[in-house]
PDB file of N, CA and C in Angstrom:
ATOM      1  N   MET A   1     101.166  98.895 106.367  1.00  0.00           N
ATOM      2  CA  MET A   1     102.768  98.363 106.469  1.00  0.00           C
ATOM      3  C   MET A   1     103.286  99.255 107.750  1.00  0.00           C
ATOM      4  N   VAL A   2     102.916  99.964 107.501  1.00  0.00           N
ATOM      5  CA  VAL A   2     103.140 100.850 108.879  1.00  0.00           C
ATOM      6  C   VAL A   2     103.014 100.244 110.689  1.00  0.00           C
ATOM      7  N   GLU A   3     101.237 100.672 110.073  1.00  0.00           N
ATOM      8  CA  GLU A   3     100.661 100.275 111.833  1.00  0.00           C
ATOM      9  C   GLU A   3     100.557  98.937 111.580  1.00  0.00           C
ATOM     10  N   THR A   4     100.831  97.687 110.804  1.00  0.00           N
ATOM     11  CA  THR A   4     101.419  96.110 110.892  1.00  0.00           C
ATOM     12  C   THR A   4     102.611  96.446 111.893  1.00  0.00           C
ATOM     13  N   ALA A   5     103.487  96.850 111.065  1.00  0.00           N
ATOM     14  CA  ALA A   5     105.171  97.342 112.043  1.00  0.00           C
ATOM     15  C   ALA A   5     105.324  98.381 112.803  1.00  0.00           C
ATOM     16  N   ASP A   6     104.510  99.723 113.448  1.00  0.00           N
ATOM     17  CA  ASP A   6     104.245  99.905 114.414  1.00  0.00           C
ATOM     18  C   ASP A   6     103.563  98.655 115.859  1.00  0.00           C
ATOM     19  N   LYS A   7     102.334  98.316 115.632  1.00  0.00           N
ATOM     20  CA  LYS A   7     101.457  97.985 116.676  1.00  0.00           C
ATOM     21  C   LYS A   7     101.475  96.337 116.379  1.00  0.00           C
ATOM     22  N   ASN A   8     101.943  95.596 115.991  1.00  0.00           N
ATOM     23  CA  ASN A   8     101.975  93.704 116.035  1.00  0.00           C
ATOM     24  C   ASN A   8     103.237  94.278 114.770  1.00  0.00           C
ATOM     25  N   PRO A   9     104.875  94.481 115.247  1.00  0.00           N
ATOM     26  CA  PRO A   9     106.172  94.146 114.715  1.00  0.00           C
ATOM     27  C   PRO A   9     106.006  92.751 114.349  1.00  0.00           C
ATOM     28  N   ASN A  10     105.867  90.978 115.722  1.00  0.00           N
ATOM     29  CA  ASN A  10     106.055  90.476 115.534  1.00  0.00           C
ATOM     30  C   ASN A  10     105.325  89.692 114.226  1.00  0.00           C
ATOM     31  N   GLU A  11     104.247  90.210 113.332  1.00  0.00           N
ATOM     32  CA  GLU A  11     103.669  89.435 112.906  1.00  0.00           C
ATOM     33  C   GLU A  11     104.262  90.772 111.495  1.00  0.00           C
ATOM     34  N   PHE A  12     105.404  91.326 111.391  1.00  0.00           N
ATOM     35  CA  PHE A  12     105.397  92.148 109.504  1.00  0.00           C
ATOM     36  C   PHE A  12     105.847  91.306 108.883  1.00  0.00           C
ATOM     37  N   PHE A  13     106.748  89.937 109.249  1.00  0.00           N
ATOM     38  CA  PHE A  13     107.377  89.278 109.097  1.00  0.00           C
ATOM     39  C   PHE A  13     106.690  87.943 107.738  1.00  0.00           C
ATOM     40  N   TYR A  14     105.738  88.126 108.092  1.00  0.00           N
ATOM     41  CA  TYR A  14     104.422  86.863 107.760  1.00  0.00           C
ATOM     42  C   TYR A  14     103.728  87.898 107.105  1.00  0.00           C
ATOM     43  N   PHE A  15     103.505  89.101 106.887  1.00  0.00           N
ATOM     44  CA  PHE A  15     102.812  89.928 105.982  1.00  0.00           C
ATOM     45  C   PHE A  15     102.880  90.415 104.864  1.00  0.00           C
ATOM     46  N   ASN A  16     105.237  90.564 105.116  1.00  0.00           N
ATOM     47  CA  ASN A  16     105.423  91.753 103.577  1.00  0.00           C
ATOM     48  C   ASN A  16     106.500  91.055 103.315  1.00  0.00           C
ATOM     49  N   ASN A  17     106.403  91.238 101.947  1.00  0.00           N
ATOM     50  CA  ASN A  17     107.170  90.397 100.925  1.00  0.00           C
ATOM     51  C   ASN A  17     109.149  90.294 100.643  1.00  0.00           C
ATOM     52  N   GLY A  18     109.140  91.531 101.537  1.00  0.00           N
ATOM     53  CA  GLY A  18     110.518  91.414 101.876  1.00  0.00           C
ATOM     54  C   GLY A  18     111.352  93.060 100.698  1.00  0.00           C
ATOM     55  N   VAL A  19     112.345  92.479 100.346  1.00  0.00           N
ATOM     56  CA  VAL A  19     112.935  93.428 100.405  1.00  0.00           C
ATOM     57  C   VAL A  19     114.065  92.940  98.691  1.00  0.00           C
ATOM     58  N   SER A  20     114.275  92.972  98.028  1.00  0.00           N
ATOM     59  CA  SER A  20     114.736  92.297  97.015  1.00  0.00           C
ATOM     60  C   SER A  20     116.586  93.952  96.980  1.00  0.00           C
ATOM     61  N   ALA A  21     117.641  93.479  96.961  1.00  0.00           N
ATOM     62  CA  ALA A  21     118.551  94.199  96.670  1.00  0.00           C
ATOM     63  C   ALA A  21     119.594  93.684  95.350  1.00  0.00           C
ATOM     64  N   ILE A  22     120.709  94.293  95.247  1.00  0.00           N
ATOM     65  CA  ILE A  22     121.585  94.515  94.086  1.00  0.00           C
ATOM     66  C   ILE A  22     122.542  94.364  94.897  1.00  0.00           C
ATOM     67  N   CYS A  23     123.734  93.945  94.351  1.00  0.00           N
ATOM     68  CA  CYS A  23     125.002  94.707  94.679  1.00  0.00           C
ATOM     69  C   CYS A  23     126.107  93.912  94.127  1.00  0.00           C
ATOM     70  N   THR A  24     127.430  94.330  94.007  1.00  0.00           N
ATOM     71  CA  THR A  24     128.829  94.003  93.014  1.00  0.00           C
ATOM     72  C   THR A  24     129.211  93.182  93.154  1.00  0.00           C
ATOM     73  N   GLU A  25     129.557  93.467  94.988  1.00  0.00           N
ATOM     74  CA  GLU A  25     130.545  92.681  96.452  1.00  0.00           C
ATOM     75  C   GLU A  25     130.063  92.415  97.173  1.00  0.00           C
ATOM     76  N   ILE A  26     129.765  91.465  97.857  1.00  0.00           N
ATOM     77  CA  ILE A  26     130.194  91.284  99.186  1.00  0.00           C
ATOM     78  C   ILE A  26     131.060  91.132 100.148  1.00  0.00           C
ATOM     79  N   HIS A  27     131.112  91.810 101.077  1.00  0.00           N
ATOM     80  CA  HIS A  27     132.515  92.288 102.875  1.00  0.00           C
ATOM     81  C   HIS A  27     131.794  91.167 103.638  1.00  0.00           C
ATOM     82  N   GLU A  28     132.607  89.696 103.847  1.00  0.00           N
ATOM     83  CA  GLU A  28     132.410  89.720 105.230  1.00  0.00           C
ATOM     84  C   GLU A  28     133.087  90.030 106.492  1.00  0.00           C
ATOM     85  N   LEU A  29     133.139  90.860 107.251  1.00  0.00           N
ATOM     86  CA  LEU A  29     133.104  91.975 108.410  1.00  0.00           C
ATOM     87  C   LEU A  29     133.053  90.912 109.517  1.00  0.00           C
ATOM     88  N   GLY A  30     132.415  90.038 109.736  1.00  0.00           N
ATOM     89  CA  GLY A  30     132.487  89.183 111.370  1.00  0.00           C
ATOM     90  C   GLY A  30     130.871  88.996 111.389  1.00  0.00           C
ATOM     91  N   LYS A  31     131.496  88.298 112.494  1.00  0.00           N
ATOM     92  CA  LYS A  31     130.018  87.911 113.041  1.00  0.00           C
ATOM     93  C   LYS A  31     128.941  88.169 113.015  1.00  0.00           C
ATOM     94  N   ASP A  32     127.955  87.940 111.835  1.00  0.00           N
ATOM     95  CA  ASP A  32     126.720  89.119 111.227  1.00  0.00           C
ATOM     96  C   ASP A  32     127.159  90.448 110.476  1.00  0.00           C
ATOM     97  N   LYS A  33     127.888  90.190 110.377  1.00  0.00           N
ATOM     98  CA  LYS A  33     128.459  91.870 109.530  1.00  0.00           C
ATOM     99  C   LYS A  33     128.783  91.896 108.894  1.00  0.00           C
ATOM    100  N   PHE A  34     128.230  92.542 107.239  1.00  0.00           N
ATOM    101  CA  PHE A  34     128.933  92.332 105.872  1.00  0.00           C
ATOM    102  C   PHE A  34     128.474  93.807 105.124  1.00  0.00           C
ATOM    103  N   ARG A  35     129.606  94.267 104.308  1.00  0.00           N
ATOM    104  CA  ARG A  35     129.583  94.881 103.658  1.00  0.00           C
ATOM    105  C   ARG A  35     129.059  95.011 102.063  1.00  0.00           C
ATOM    106  N   PHE A  36     128.101  96.136 101.813  1.00  0.00           N
ATOM    107  CA  PHE A  36     128.153  95.787 100.327  1.00  0.00           C
ATOM    108  C   PHE A  36     128.345  96.343  98.678  1.00  0.00           C
ATOM    109  N   ASP A  37     128.908  96.528  98.159  1.00  0.00           N
ATOM    110  CA  ASP A  37     129.627  97.561  97.344  1.00  0.00           C
ATOM    111  C   ASP A  37     129.010  97.604  96.422  1.00  0.00           C
ATOM    112  N   SER A  38     128.312  98.990  95.746  1.00  0.00           N
ATOM    113  CA  SER A  38     126.712  98.811  95.046  1.00  0.00           C
ATOM    114  C   SER A  38     125.793  98.235  95.365  1.00  0.00           C
ATOM    115  N   PHE A  39     125.162  98.908  96.474  1.00  0.00           N
ATOM    116  CA  PHE A  39     123.798  98.138  97.547  1.00  0.00           C
ATOM    117  C   PHE A  39     123.001  98.901  96.702  1.00  0.00           C
ATOM    118  N   GLN A  40     122.214  98.256  96.644  1.00  0.00           N
ATOM    119  CA  GLN A  40     120.615  98.994  95.545  1.00  0.00           C
ATOM    120  C   GLN A  40     119.576  97.870  95.281  1.00  0.00           C
ATOM    121  N   ILE A  41     118.832  98.681  96.565  1.00  0.00           N
ATOM    122  CA  ILE A  41     117.505  98.342  96.228  1.00  0.00           C
ATOM    123  C   ILE A  41     116.762  98.090  95.304  1.00  0.00           C
ATOM    124  N   ILE A  42     116.127  97.145  94.713  1.00  0.00           N
ATOM    125  CA  ILE A  42     115.341  97.122  93.257  1.00  0.00           C
ATOM    126  C   ILE A  42     113.646  97.111  93.256  1.00  0.00           C
ATOM    127  N   ASN A  43     113.509  96.674  94.789  1.00  0.00           N
ATOM    128  CA  ASN A  43     112.496  95.833  94.904  1.00  0.00           C
ATOM    129  C   ASN A  43     112.423  95.557  96.384  1.00  0.00           C
ATOM    130  N   GLY A  44     110.677  96.864  97.083  1.00  0.00           N
ATOM    131  CA  GLY A  44     110.839  97.127  98.766  1.00  0.00           C
ATOM    132  C   GLY A  44     110.897  98.148  98.770  1.00  0.00           C
ATOM    133  N   ALA A  45     111.194  99.354  98.121  1.00  0.00           N
ATOM    134  CA  ALA A  45     111.433 100.613  98.357  1.00  0.00           C
ATOM    135  C   ALA A  45     109.571 101.133  99.059  1.00  0.00           C
ATOM    136  N   GLN A  46     108.982 100.647  98.974  1.00  0.00           N
ATOM    137  CA  GLN A  46     108.078 100.822  99.701  1.00  0.00           C
ATOM    138  C   GLN A  46     107.758 100.250 101.019  1.00  0.00           C
ATOM    139  N   THR A  47     108.445  99.474 101.210  1.00  0.00           N
ATOM    140  CA  THR A  47     108.857  98.494 102.760  1.00  0.00           C
ATOM    141  C   THR A  47     109.185  99.300 102.862  1.00  0.00           C
ATOM    142  N   VAL A  48     110.972  99.414 102.995  1.00  0.00           N
ATOM    143  CA  VAL A  48     112.345 100.384 103.614  1.00  0.00           C
ATOM    144  C   VAL A  48     111.436 101.597 103.753  1.00  0.00           C
ATOM    145  N   GLY A  49     110.926 102.286 103.159  1.00  0.00           N
ATOM    146  CA  GLY A  49     109.796 103.978 103.593  1.00  0.00           C
ATOM    147  C   GLY A  49     109.340 103.913 104.796  1.00  0.00           C
ATOM    148  N   SER A  50     108.035 103.125 104.925  1.00  0.00           N
ATOM    149  CA  SER A  50     107.105 101.985 105.747  1.00  0.00           C
ATOM    150  C   SER A  50     107.138 102.344 107.094  1.00  0.00           C
ATOM    151  N   LEU A  51     108.729 101.627 106.963  1.00  0.00           N
ATOM    152  CA  LEU A  51     109.284 101.242 108.198  1.00  0.00           C
ATOM    153  C   LEU A  51     110.468 102.324 108.627  1.00  0.00           C
ATOM    154  N   ALA A  52     110.700 103.124 108.378  1.00  0.00           N
ATOM    155  CA  ALA A  52     111.729 104.491 108.140  1.00  0.00           C
ATOM    156  C   ALA A  52     110.284 105.512 108.501  1.00  0.00           C
ATOM    157  N   ALA A  53     109.127 104.831 108.940  1.00  0.00           N
ATOM    158  CA  ALA A  53     107.803 106.267 108.727  1.00  0.00           C
ATOM    159  C   ALA A  53     107.664 106.172 110.579  1.00  0.00           C
ATOM    160  N   VAL A  54     107.918 104.332 110.486  1.00  0.00           N
ATOM    161  CA  VAL A  54     107.344 104.332 111.802  1.00  0.00           C
ATOM    162  C   VAL A  54     107.870 105.090 112.919  1.00  0.00           C
ATOM    163  N   GLY A  55     107.362 105.597 114.071  1.00  0.00           N
ATOM    164  CA  GLY A  55     108.041 106.213 115.243  1.00  0.00           C
ATOM    165  C   GLY A  55     109.583 105.330 116.309  1.00  0.00           C
ATOM    166  N   SER A  56     109.214 104.700 116.056  1.00  0.00           N
ATOM    167  CA  SER A  56     110.196 103.874 117.240  1.00  0.00           C
ATOM    168  C   SER A  56     110.039 102.195 117.081  1.00  0.00           C
ATOM    169  N   LEU A  57     110.747 101.545 115.798  1.00  0.00           N
ATOM    170  CA  LEU A  57     110.199 100.204 115.812  1.00  0.00           C
ATOM    171  C   LEU A  57     111.072  99.834 116.503  1.00  0.00           C
ATOM    172  N   SER A  58     109.803  98.315 116.423  1.00  0.00           N
ATOM    173  CA  SER A  58     110.600  97.419 117.407  1.00  0.00           C
ATOM    174  C   SER A  58     112.004  96.325 116.803  1.00  0.00           C
ATOM    175  N   GLY A  59     112.385  95.912 117.485  1.00  0.00           N
ATOM    176  CA  GLY A  59     113.527  94.820 117.316  1.00  0.00           C
ATOM    177  C   GLY A  59     112.928  93.557 116.978  1.00  0.00           C
ATOM    178  N   GLU A  60     111.420  93.430 117.363  1.00  0.00           N
ATOM    179  CA  GLU A  60     110.520  92.201 116.661  1.00  0.00           C
ATOM    180  C   GLU A  60     110.391  92.603 115.214  1.00  0.00           C
ATOM    181  N   CYS A  61     110.688  93.300 115.019  1.00  0.00           N
ATOM    182  CA  CYS A  61     109.936  93.764 113.935  1.00  0.00           C
ATOM    183  C   CYS A  61     110.617  93.081 112.512  1.00  0.00           C
ATOM    184  N   GLU A  62     111.084  92.209 111.736  1.00  0.00           N
ATOM    185  CA  GLU A  62     111.630  91.340 111.528  1.00  0.00           C
ATOM    186  C   GLU A  62     111.213  91.613 109.617  1.00  0.00           C
ATOM    187  N   VAL A  63     112.279  91.601 108.848  1.00  0.00           N
ATOM    188  CA  VAL A  63     112.234  91.686 107.032  1.00  0.00           C
ATOM    189  C   VAL A  63     112.570  90.695 106.298  1.00  0.00           C
ATOM    190  N   ILE A  64     112.556  89.984 105.743  1.00  0.00           N
ATOM    191  CA  ILE A  64     113.434  88.853 104.507  1.00  0.00           C
ATOM    192  C   ILE A  64     113.500  89.740 103.365  1.00  0.00           C
ATOM    193  N   LEU A  65     114.428  90.201 103.481  1.00  0.00           N
ATOM    194  CA  LEU A  65     116.205  91.064 102.779  1.00  0.00           C
ATOM    195  C   LEU A  65     116.764  89.607 102.214  1.00  0.00           C
ATOM    196  N   ARG A  66     116.555  89.826 100.145  1.00  0.00           N
ATOM    197  CA  ARG A  66     117.303  88.694 100.141  1.00  0.00           C
ATOM    198  C   ARG A  66     118.250  89.286  98.773  1.00  0.00           C
ATOM    199  N   ILE A  67     119.107  89.772  98.903  1.00  0.00           N
ATOM    200  CA  ILE A  67     121.088  90.373  97.838  1.00  0.00           C
ATOM    201  C   ILE A  67     121.378  89.696  96.933  1.00  0.00           C
ATOM    202  N   THR A  68     121.512  89.732  96.254  1.00  0.00           N
ATOM    203  CA  THR A  68     121.721  89.483  94.687  1.00  0.00           C
ATOM    204  C   THR A  68     123.541  90.164  94.604  1.00  0.00           C
ATOM    205  N   GLN A  69     124.083  89.237  93.809  1.00  0.00           N
ATOM    206  CA  GLN A  69     125.780  89.491  93.763  1.00  0.00           C
ATOM    207  C   GLN A  69     125.499  89.730  92.256  1.00  0.00           C
ATOM    208  N   GLY A  70     126.620  91.043  91.859  1.00  0.00           N
ATOM    209  CA  GLY A  70     126.375  89.906  90.442  1.00  0.00           C
ATOM    210  C   GLY A  70     127.464  91.475  89.221  1.00  0.00           C
ATOM    211  N   ALA A  71     127.586  91.125  88.709  1.00  0.00           N
ATOM    212  CA  ALA A  71     128.908  92.158  88.187  1.00  0.00           C
ATOM    213  C   ALA A  71     128.680  93.447  87.784  1.00  0.00           C
ATOM    214  N   SER A  72     127.784  93.758  87.846  1.00  0.00           N
ATOM    215  CA  SER A  72     127.109  95.089  88.151  1.00  0.00           C
ATOM    216  C   SER A  72     125.677  95.152  88.625  1.00  0.00           C
ATOM    217  N   VAL A  73     124.932  96.612  88.722  1.00  0.00           N
ATOM    218  CA  VAL A  73     124.021  97.165  89.077  1.00  0.00           C
ATOM    219  C   VAL A  73     122.779  98.029  87.844  1.00  0.00           C
ATOM    220  N   LYS A  74     123.376  98.159  86.818  1.00  0.00           N
ATOM    221  CA  LYS A  74     122.537  98.434  85.778  1.00  0.00           C
ATOM    222  C   LYS A  74     121.206  97.532  86.040  1.00  0.00           C
ATOM    223  N   THR A  75     119.800  97.699  85.342  1.00  0.00           N
ATOM    224  CA  THR A  75     118.934  97.651  85.620  1.00  0.00           C
ATOM    225  C   THR A  75     117.870  97.415  84.081  1.00  0.00           C
ATOM    226  N   GLU A  76     118.739  98.106  83.402  1.00  0.00           N
ATOM    227  CA  GLU A  76     117.979  97.962  82.077  1.00  0.00           C
ATOM    228  C   GLU A  76     117.727  97.068  80.462  1.00  0.00           C
ATOM    229  N   LYS A  77     118.955  95.997  81.117  1.00  0.00           N
ATOM    230  CA  LYS A  77     118.791  95.274  80.496  1.00  0.00           C
ATOM    231  C   LYS A  77     119.190  93.993  80.803  1.00  0.00           C
ATOM    232  N   GLY A  78     119.268  92.636  80.815  1.00  0.00           N
ATOM    233  CA  GLY A  78     119.615  91.287  81.770  1.00  0.00           C
ATOM    234  C   GLY A  78     119.585  90.770  82.858  1.00  0.00           C
ATOM    235  N   PHE A  79     120.460  90.453  83.349  1.00  0.00           N
ATOM    236  CA  PHE A  79     119.805  90.024  85.176  1.00  0.00           C
ATOM    237  C   PHE A  79     119.034  90.348  85.706  1.00  0.00           C
ATOM    238  N   ASN A  80     119.458  91.928  85.707  1.00  0.00           N
ATOM    239  CA  ASN A  80     118.975  92.551  87.241  1.00  0.00           C
ATOM    240  C   ASN A  80     117.495  92.363  86.747  1.00  0.00           C
ATOM    241  N   ALA A  81     117.886  93.431  85.346  1.00  0.00           N
ATOM    242  CA  ALA A  81     115.961  93.633  84.979  1.00  0.00           C
ATOM    243  C   ALA A  81     114.901  92.825  84.830  1.00  0.00           C
ATOM    244  N   ASP A  82     115.589  91.335  84.907  1.00  0.00           N
ATOM    245  CA  ASP A  82     114.543  90.259  85.277  1.00  0.00           C
ATOM    246  C   ASP A  82     114.344  90.479  86.154  1.00  0.00           C
ATOM    247  N   ILE A  83     115.207  90.114  86.894  1.00  0.00           N
ATOM    248  CA  ILE A  83     115.176  89.991  88.576  1.00  0.00           C
ATOM    249  C   ILE A  83     114.193  91.032  89.247  1.00  0.00           C
ATOM    250  N   ILE A  84     113.736  92.553  88.550  1.00  0.00           N
ATOM    251  CA  ILE A  84     112.765  93.469  88.733  1.00  0.00           C
ATOM    252  C   ILE A  84     111.452  93.711  88.193  1.00  0.00           C
ATOM    253  N   ARG A  85     111.040  93.224  86.644  1.00  0.00           N
ATOM    254  CA  ARG A  85     110.067  92.052  86.439  1.00  0.00           C
ATOM    255  C   ARG A  85     109.898  91.395  86.699  1.00  0.00           C
ATOM    256  N   TYR A  86     110.385  89.939  87.420  1.00  0.00           N
ATOM    257  CA  TYR A  86     109.643  88.950  88.226  1.00  0.00           C
ATOM    258  C   TYR A  86     109.232  89.482  89.160  1.00  0.00           C
ATOM    259  N   ASN A  87     109.725  89.919  89.829  1.00  0.00           N
ATOM    260  CA  ASN A  87     109.528  90.722  91.658  1.00  0.00           C
ATOM    261  C   ASN A  87     108.788  91.449  91.564  1.00  0.00           C
ATOM    262  N   ASN A  88     107.327  91.757  90.047  1.00  0.00           N
ATOM    263  CA  ASN A  88     106.841  93.347  90.022  1.00  0.00           C
ATOM    264  C   ASN A  88     105.809  93.059  89.726  1.00  0.00           C
ATOM    265  N   THR A  89     106.181  91.197  89.018  1.00  0.00           N
ATOM    266  CA  THR A  89     104.725  90.759  87.906  1.00  0.00           C
ATOM    267  C   THR A  89     104.454  89.689  89.085  1.00  0.00           C
ATOM    268  N   GLN A  90     102.818  89.431  88.862  1.00  0.00           N
ATOM    269  CA  GLN A  90     102.737  89.326  90.111  1.00  0.00           C
ATOM    270  C   GLN A  90     100.693  88.735  89.161  1.00  0.00           C
ATOM    271  N   ASN A  91     100.509  87.618  90.016  1.00  0.00           N
ATOM    272  CA  ASN A  91      98.600  87.264  89.071  1.00  0.00           C
ATOM    273  C   ASN A  91      97.857  88.242  89.773  1.00  0.00           C
ATOM    274  N   VAL A  92      96.519  89.220  89.480  1.00  0.00           N
ATOM    275  CA  VAL A  92      95.488  89.955  89.830  1.00  0.00           C
ATOM    276  C   VAL A  92      94.947  88.997  90.862  1.00  0.00           C
ATOM    277  N   VAL A  93      95.137  89.141  92.434  1.00  0.00           N
ATOM    278  CA  VAL A  93      93.833  88.122  93.570  1.00  0.00           C
ATOM    279  C   VAL A  93      92.808  89.615  93.362  1.00  0.00           C
ATOM    280  N   ARG A  94      91.803  88.292  93.638  1.00  0.00           N
ATOM    281  CA  ARG A  94      90.730  88.953  94.187  1.00  0.00           C
ATOM    282  C   ARG A  94      89.858  88.607  94.463  1.00  0.00           C
ATOM    283  N   ALA A  95      88.864  89.380  95.589  1.00  0.00           N
ATOM    284  CA  ALA A  95      88.790  89.253  96.838  1.00  0.00           C
ATOM    285  C   ALA A  95      87.672  87.795  96.642  1.00  0.00           C
ATOM    286  N   SER A  96      87.115  87.631  95.561  1.00  0.00           N
ATOM    287  CA  SER A  96      86.377  85.421  94.998  1.00  0.00           C
ATOM    288  C   SER A  96      87.627  85.105  94.898  1.00  0.00           C
ATOM    289  N   ASP A  97      88.745  85.348  95.324  1.00  0.00           N
ATOM    290  CA  ASP A  97      89.941  84.267  94.981  1.00  0.00           C
ATOM    291  C   ASP A  97      89.719  83.582  96.182  1.00  0.00           C
ATOM    292  N   PHE A  98      89.148  83.901  97.421  1.00  0.00           N
ATOM    293  CA  PHE A  98      89.454  83.373  98.881  1.00  0.00           C
ATOM    294  C   PHE A  98      87.923  82.994  99.796  1.00  0.00           C
ATOM    295  N   ARG A  99      87.582  83.028  98.539  1.00  0.00           N
ATOM    296  CA  ARG A  99      85.935  82.338  99.489  1.00  0.00           C
ATOM    297  C   ARG A  99      85.619  80.705  99.098  1.00  0.00           C
ATOM    298  N   SER A 100      87.051  80.213  99.214  1.00  0.00           N
ATOM    299  CA  SER A 100      86.536  78.971  99.229  1.00  0.00           C
ATOM    300  C   SER A 100      86.960  78.971 100.716  1.00  0.00           C
ATOM    301  N   ASN A 101      87.098  79.478 101.068  1.00  0.00           N
ATOM    302  CA  ASN A 101      87.535  79.473 102.400  1.00  0.00           C
ATOM    303  C   ASN A 101      87.058  80.128 103.752  1.00  0.00           C
ATOM    304  N   ASP A 102      85.739  80.725 103.665  1.00  0.00           N
ATOM    305  CA  ASP A 102      84.944  81.151 104.002  1.00  0.00           C
ATOM    306  C   ASP A 102      84.391  80.344 105.030  1.00  0.00           C
ATOM    307  N   HIS A 103      83.298  80.974 106.149  1.00  0.00           N
ATOM    308  CA  HIS A 103      82.922  80.289 106.294  1.00  0.00           C
ATOM    309  C   HIS A 103      81.610  79.203 106.231  1.00  0.00           C
ATOM    310  N   VAL A 104      80.894  79.859 105.248  1.00  0.00           N
ATOM    311  CA  VAL A 104      79.779  79.395 104.900  1.00  0.00           C
ATOM    312  C   VAL A 104      80.568  78.407 103.414  1.00  0.00           C
ATOM    313  N   GLN A 105      81.300  78.351 102.572  1.00  0.00           N
ATOM    314  CA  GLN A 105      82.373  76.936 101.727  1.00  0.00           C
ATOM    315  C   GLN A 105      82.583  76.555 103.114  1.00  0.00           C
ATOM    316  N   LEU A 106      83.515  76.695 104.226  1.00  0.00           N
ATOM    317  CA  LEU A 106      84.369  75.460 104.980  1.00  0.00           C
ATOM    318  C   LEU A 106      82.952  75.184 105.362  1.00  0.00           C
ATOM    319  N   TRP A 107      81.713  74.831 105.758  1.00  0.00           N
ATOM    320  CA  TRP A 107      80.514  74.669 106.399  1.00  0.00           C
ATOM    321  C   TRP A 107      79.958  73.608 105.513  1.00  0.00           C
ATOM    322  N   LEU A 108      80.358  74.275 104.472  1.00  0.00           N
ATOM    323  CA  LEU A 108      79.325  73.515 102.466  1.00  0.00           C
ATOM    324  C   LEU A 108      80.634  72.047 102.760  1.00  0.00           C
ATOM    325  N   GLU A 109      81.255  71.931 102.803  1.00  0.00           N
ATOM    326  CA  GLU A 109      82.204  71.764 102.487  1.00  0.00           C
ATOM    327  C   GLU A 109      82.339  69.637 103.465  1.00  0.00           C
ATOM    328  N   HIS A 110      81.939  70.754 105.172  1.00  0.00           N
ATOM    329  CA  HIS A 110      81.870  69.652 106.430  1.00  0.00           C
ATOM    330  C   HIS A 110      80.659  68.592 105.597  1.00  0.00           C
ATOM    331  N   GLU A 111      79.211  70.117 105.148  1.00  0.00           N
ATOM    332  CA  GLU A 111      77.967  68.490 105.489  1.00  0.00           C
ATOM    333  C   GLU A 111      78.168  67.787 104.412  1.00  0.00           C
ATOM    334  N   PHE A 112      79.192  68.345 103.206  1.00  0.00           N
ATOM    335  CA  PHE A 112      79.203  67.826 102.136  1.00  0.00           C
ATOM    336  C   PHE A 112      79.467  66.441 102.249  1.00  0.00           C
ATOM    337  N   ASP A 113      80.907  66.251 102.676  1.00  0.00           N
ATOM    338  CA  ASP A 113      81.535  65.215 103.431  1.00  0.00           C
ATOM    339  C   ASP A 113      80.475  63.936 104.575  1.00  0.00           C
ATOM    340  N   LYS A 114      78.979  64.042 105.330  1.00  0.00           N
ATOM    341  CA  LYS A 114      78.917  63.633 106.217  1.00  0.00           C
ATOM    342  C   LYS A 114      77.742  62.572 105.688  1.00  0.00           C
ATOM    343  N   LYS A 115      77.622  63.324 103.936  1.00  0.00           N
ATOM    344  CA  LYS A 115      76.470  62.659 103.838  1.00  0.00           C
ATOM    345  C   LYS A 115      76.942  61.211 102.484  1.00  0.00           C
ATOM    346  N   LYS A 116      75.711  60.389 102.719  1.00  0.00           N
ATOM    347  CA  LYS A 116      76.670  59.294 102.477  1.00  0.00           C
ATOM    348  C   LYS A 116      76.309  58.960 100.769  1.00  0.00           C
ATOM    349  N   ARG A 117      76.744  58.435  99.704  1.00  0.00           N
ATOM    350  CA  ARG A 117      77.553  58.441  98.426  1.00  0.00           C
ATOM    351  C   ARG A 117      75.754  57.618  98.206  1.00  0.00           C
ATOM    352  N   ALA A 118      75.483  57.922  96.421  1.00  0.00           N
ATOM    353  CA  ALA A 118      73.819  56.989  96.404  1.00  0.00           C
ATOM    354  C   ALA A 118      73.906  56.536  94.907  1.00  0.00           C
ATOM    355  N   GLY A 119      73.361  55.458  94.678  1.00  0.00           N
ATOM    356  CA  GLY A 119      73.781  55.512  93.253  1.00  0.00           C
ATOM    357  C   GLY A 119      75.635  54.512  92.973  1.00  0.00           C
ATOM    358  N   PRO A 120      76.042  54.081  91.575  1.00  0.00           N
ATOM    359  CA  PRO A 120      77.036  53.158  91.493  1.00  0.00           C
ATOM    360  C   PRO A 120      78.134  54.001  91.852  1.00  0.00           C
ATOM    361  N   SER A 121      79.849  53.184  92.846  1.00  0.00           N
ATOM    362  CA  SER A 121      80.586  53.852  93.553  1.00  0.00           C
ATOM    363  C   SER A 121      81.910  54.183  92.374  1.00  0.00           C
ATOM    364  N   HIS A 122      80.929  53.763  90.890  1.00  0.00           N
ATOM    365  CA  HIS A 122      82.466  54.165  89.879  1.00  0.00           C
ATOM    366  C   HIS A 122      83.425  53.180  90.661  1.00  0.00           C
ATOM    367  N   GLY A 123      84.031  52.208  91.124  1.00  0.00           N
ATOM    368  CA  GLY A 123      85.425  52.117  91.286  1.00  0.00           C
ATOM    369  C   GLY A 123      85.649  52.531  92.721  1.00  0.00           C
ATOM    370  N   ARG A 124      85.258  52.966  93.480  1.00  0.00           N
ATOM    371  CA  ARG A 124      85.434  54.111  94.859  1.00  0.00           C
ATOM    372  C   ARG A 124      85.383  53.004  96.035  1.00  0.00           C
TER     373      ARG A 124
END
């Protein structure tokens, strides 16, 4: 993350899942200015830490930020706990899951598309 933010800041937005936070109140202070009461990051602390580690962060580096206003910022149970659980529960992705997009598979798909079907068409 640090390397992308530092070397390719314009791509960071596309490669990062962003930051989720909760608060108890959102106050609009003017054009593009807000104040949040009891602001708490609940997912994305690694992202924030990585961006802080970049010596001179470019203005081209953008991050998705989702802020949810609720009655409290307690995370032990309830809606806030559900947000944390669902933000951090992901399917395991293995290298083989990307196999269908490698150059061999794409070449095979192209070659099979060029072939004429033999035998009955079964209504096609």
